Amino acid sequence: MKKAILIVMLVLNAIVLLGQLWPEGAPPFAGIVNLITLGLNLVMFLILFRKENLFTR
């Protein structure tokens, strides 16, 4: 399950990066992908921080 989530996040991040490097080639749904990617990254970082107890150190 973790591997599948990481693969999805890598693909979404690659789409976002491609849109930044080549804006003319960005698909029409690029704004939605950007928002989803930012949200998932935030959730993933919060989960990792909580799991590693970085807030309590």
Protein backbone atom coordinates (compact mmCIF):
# COMPACT_ATOMS: atom_id res chain seq x y z
CA MET A 1 0.00 0.00 0.00
CA LYS A 2 2.80 2.43 0.92
CA LYS A 3 4.58 1.62 -2.32
CA ALA A 4 1.47 2.39 -4.37
CA ILE A 5 0.99 5.73 -2.62
CA LEU A 6 4.63 6.65 -3.23
CA ILE A 7 4.32 5.74 -6.91
CA VAL A 8 1.20 7.89 -7.28
CA MET A 9 2.93 10.79 -5.55
CA LEU A 10 6.01 10.42 -7.76
CA VAL A 11 3.86 10.50 -10.90
CA LEU A 12 1.93 13.54 -9.69
CA ASN A 13 5.14 15.33 -8.75
CA ALA A 14 6.59 14.51 -12.19
CA ILE A 15 3.50 16.02 -13.87
CA VAL A 16 3.81 19.16 -11.74
CA LEU A 17 7.53 19.44 -12.51
CA LEU A 18 6.90 18.98 -16.23
CA GLY A 19 4.28 21.72 -16.11
CA GLN A 20 6.81 24.05 -14.48
CA LEU A 21 9.55 23.24 -16.98
CA TRP A 22 7.31 23.29 -20.07
CA PRO A 23 4.21 25.38 -19.30
CA GLU A 24 2.95 25.36 -22.90
CA GLY A 25 2.69 21.57 -22.81
CA ALA A 26 0.80 21.42 -19.53
CA PRO A 27 -2.55 19.63 -19.76
CA PRO A 28 -5.75 21.55 -19.07
CA PHE A 29 -6.16 19.78 -15.73
CA ALA A 30 -2.71 20.90 -14.51
CA GLY A 31 -4.15 23.24 -11.87
CA ILE A 32 -6.14 20.41 -10.29
CA VAL A 33 -3.09 18.12 -10.34
CA ASN A 34 -1.03 20.86 -8.65
CA LEU A 35 -3.57 21.25 -5.85
CA ILE A 36 -3.91 17.50 -5.33
CA THR A 37 -0.13 17.08 -5.27
CA LEU A 38 0.36 19.88 -2.77
CA GLY A 39 -2.35 18.43 -0.53
CA LEU A 40 -0.94 14.91 -0.68
CA ASN A 41 2.58 16.15 -0.02
CA LEU A 42 1.38 18.05 3.04
CA VAL A 43 -0.49 15.00 4.36
CA MET A 44 2.50 12.73 3.70
CA PHE A 45 4.91 15.08 5.49
CA LEU A 46 2.60 15.38 8.48
CA ILE A 47 2.27 11.60 8.70
CA LEU A 48 6.05 11.17 8.48
CA PHE A 49 6.72 13.88 11.07
CA ARG A 50 4.18 12.38 13.43
CA LYS A 51 5.50 8.86 12.92
CA GLU A 52 9.11 9.94 13.54
CA ASN A 53 8.10 12.13 16.53
CA LEU A 54 10.02 15.08 15.11
CA PHE A 55 7.70 17.51 16.85
CA THR A 56 8.64 16.24 20.31
CA ARG A 57 12.42 16.40 19.91
